[in-house]
Amino acid sequence: MYASGIFELEQDEALVIEMNAPVEPYYVGFQLNNLWMEGPDQQNFVSSLTGAQNPVFADATRYYIIFPVDPGVCGWLDTTGLERGFHTMRFVFAEDPPEDQLPSLKASLVKLEDLDSVLPEHYPRVSEAERREEISIRQDHIKMRWRNY
């Protein structure tokens, strides 16, 4: 199952997408793309997230925060300089969930200063050191994935 949308952000705006999945997908992936559906650099930027990289926070909900600069929260996706583009989400289920339990999405465009108002209380923060480690792990994984045979 796929879901997608378009983002167009000013420098002080973030797009926050809440994804609620009553039935946890076997796999969930979220990726940013430019207007030609090319994915930006996934090795050196957090421009995509799997479900394992962005776990459920509360009530079967994941949060994706699209913003050009790291706001220091879990679920952030780096626009890598794109002012507008696409976001795409892919769901893979081990078994088809009942129709009344399919994932639902809600998007909110907010000023960065208002980000905390749309995130749940006690939402996880990410320090600069933790973000550097996250990117280091991404770099290792991409090198493994695209290694020469």
Protein backbone atom coordinates (compact mmCIF):
# COMPACT_ATOMS: atom_id res chain seq x y z
CA MET A 1 0.00 0.00 0.00
CA TYR A 2 1.32 3.47 -0.87
CA ALA A 3 0.52 7.01 0.22
CA SER A 4 2.09 10.19 -1.06
CA GLY A 5 1.80 13.94 -1.06
CA ILE A 6 3.55 17.16 -1.92
CA PHE A 7 5.41 19.50 0.38
CA GLU A 8 6.20 23.16 -0.25
CA LEU A 9 7.85 24.86 2.69
CA GLU A 10 9.01 28.31 3.67
CA GLN A 11 12.26 28.43 5.67
CA ASP A 12 10.37 28.63 8.98
CA GLU A 13 7.70 25.99 8.19
CA ALA A 14 7.60 22.30 8.98
CA LEU A 15 5.21 19.71 7.61
CA VAL A 16 4.24 17.25 10.33
CA ILE A 17 2.63 14.00 9.23
CA GLU A 18 0.98 11.78 11.81
CA MET A 19 0.64 8.18 10.66
CA ASN A 20 -1.64 6.00 12.73
CA ALA A 21 -1.62 2.26 11.97
CA PRO A 22 -3.93 0.20 14.21
CA VAL A 23 -2.29 -2.90 12.68
CA GLU A 24 1.50 -2.57 12.72
CA PRO A 25 2.88 -3.02 9.19
CA TYR A 26 5.55 -5.64 8.60
CA TYR A 27 7.47 -2.80 6.93
CA VAL A 28 6.84 0.93 6.66
CA GLY A 29 9.07 3.33 4.76
CA PHE A 30 8.92 7.08 4.25
CA GLN A 31 10.99 8.91 1.64
CA LEU A 32 11.36 12.42 0.31
CA ASN A 33 11.72 12.97 -3.44
CA ASN A 34 12.27 15.92 -5.73
CA LEU A 35 9.69 16.89 -8.36
CA TRP A 36 11.11 14.24 -10.73
CA MET A 37 10.60 11.59 -8.01
CA GLU A 38 14.35 11.24 -7.50
CA GLY A 39 15.30 10.50 -3.93
CA PRO A 40 17.84 12.88 -2.41
CA ASP A 41 21.05 11.67 -0.76
CA GLN A 42 20.04 9.00 1.77
CA GLN A 43 23.59 8.31 2.88
CA ASN A 44 24.54 11.69 4.30
CA PHE A 45 21.09 13.08 5.11
CA VAL A 46 18.04 11.74 6.93
CA SER A 47 15.85 11.94 3.82
CA SER A 48 14.11 8.59 4.41
CA LEU A 49 13.04 6.57 7.42
CA THR A 50 11.92 3.01 7.96
CA GLY A 51 9.58 1.99 10.75
CA ALA A 52 12.56 0.68 12.70
CA GLN A 53 14.31 4.05 12.34
CA ASN A 54 11.18 5.95 13.41
CA PRO A 55 9.33 3.82 15.96
CA VAL A 56 5.75 4.22 17.13
CA PHE A 57 5.57 6.84 19.85
CA ALA A 58 2.08 6.51 21.29
CA ASP A 59 -1.31 5.10 20.33
CA ALA A 60 0.07 3.30 17.22
CA THR A 61 1.23 6.67 15.82
CA ARG A 62 4.47 7.67 14.12
CA TYR A 63 5.38 11.28 13.45
CA TYR A 64 7.31 12.52 10.41
CA ILE A 65 8.66 16.07 10.54
CA ILE A 66 9.79 17.51 7.19
CA PHE A 67 11.98 20.55 7.76
CA PRO A 68 15.19 21.89 6.15
CA VAL A 69 17.16 22.07 9.44
CA ASP A 70 17.33 19.51 12.24
CA PRO A 71 14.75 20.54 14.87
CA GLY A 72 16.21 18.01 17.31
CA VAL A 73 13.28 15.58 17.35
CA CYS A 74 12.70 11.97 16.40
CA GLY A 75 11.13 11.45 12.98
CA TRP A 76 12.83 14.39 11.29
CA LEU A 77 13.37 14.25 7.52
CA ASP A 78 15.92 16.59 5.97
CA THR A 79 14.71 18.33 2.82
CA THR A 80 18.38 18.50 1.68
CA GLY A 81 17.67 21.97 0.35
CA LEU A 82 14.46 21.14 -1.50
CA GLU A 83 11.81 23.83 -1.01
CA ARG A 84 9.18 21.56 -2.55
CA GLY A 85 8.91 17.95 -3.48
CA PHE A 86 7.07 14.73 -2.81
CA HIS A 87 6.85 12.51 0.22
CA THR A 88 6.04 8.86 -0.29
CA MET A 89 5.11 6.21 2.23
CA ARG A 90 5.07 2.48 1.63
CA PHE A 91 3.34 -0.09 3.83
CA VAL A 92 3.85 -3.84 3.65
CA PHE A 93 1.59 -6.05 5.77
CA ALA A 94 2.08 -9.73 6.56
CA GLU A 95 -1.70 -10.06 6.14
CA ASP A 96 -4.19 -7.52 4.81
CA PRO A 97 -5.65 -5.58 7.74
CA PRO A 98 -9.42 -5.08 7.97
CA GLU A 99 -10.56 -1.98 6.08
CA ASP A 100 -11.47 -0.20 9.30
CA GLN A 101 -7.88 -0.67 10.53
CA LEU A 102 -5.94 0.67 7.55
CA PRO A 103 -3.32 3.35 8.27
CA SER A 104 -4.53 6.95 8.38
CA LEU A 105 -2.50 10.08 7.82
CA LYS A 106 -2.93 13.64 9.05
CA ALA A 107 -0.71 16.50 7.85
CA SER A 108 -0.17 19.84 9.58
CA LEU A 109 1.84 22.76 8.25
CA VAL A 110 3.29 24.62 11.23
CA LYS A 111 5.82 27.31 11.99
CA LEU A 112 8.89 25.80 13.59
CA GLU A 113 8.20 27.78 16.76
CA ASP A 114 4.85 25.94 17.01
CA LEU A 115 6.24 22.43 16.37
CA ASP A 116 5.82 21.30 19.97
CA SER A 117 2.11 22.21 19.85
CA VAL A 118 1.41 19.43 17.31
CA LEU A 119 3.68 16.79 18.86
CA PRO A 120 2.63 14.75 21.90
CA GLU A 121 3.89 15.64 25.34
CA HIS A 122 7.31 14.09 26.10
CA TYR A 123 8.02 13.50 22.40
CA PRO A 124 11.58 12.13 21.98
CA ARG A 125 14.37 14.64 21.41
CA VAL A 126 17.54 13.90 19.45
CA SER A 127 20.83 15.57 20.38
CA GLU A 128 23.41 16.67 17.81
CA ALA A 129 25.63 13.74 18.85
CA GLU A 130 22.74 11.27 18.45
CA ARG A 131 21.97 12.70 14.99
CA ARG A 132 25.62 12.36 13.94
CA GLU A 133 25.50 8.72 15.07
CA GLU A 134 22.25 8.17 13.14
CA ILE A 135 23.90 9.50 9.97
CA SER A 136 27.03 7.42 10.59
CA ILE A 137 24.88 4.28 10.76
CA ARG A 138 23.10 5.32 7.54
CA GLN A 139 26.45 5.74 5.82
CA ASP A 140 27.55 2.25 6.89
CA HIS A 141 24.27 0.71 5.71
CA ILE A 142 24.34 2.46 2.33
CA LYS A 143 27.94 1.35 1.77
CA MET A 144 26.89 -2.22 2.50
CA ARG A 145 23.82 -1.97 0.29
CA TRP A 146 25.63 -0.48 -2.70
CA ARG A 147 28.95 -2.31 -2.31
CA ASN A 148 30.73 -3.60 -5.39
CA TYR A 149 30.37 -7.31 -6.01
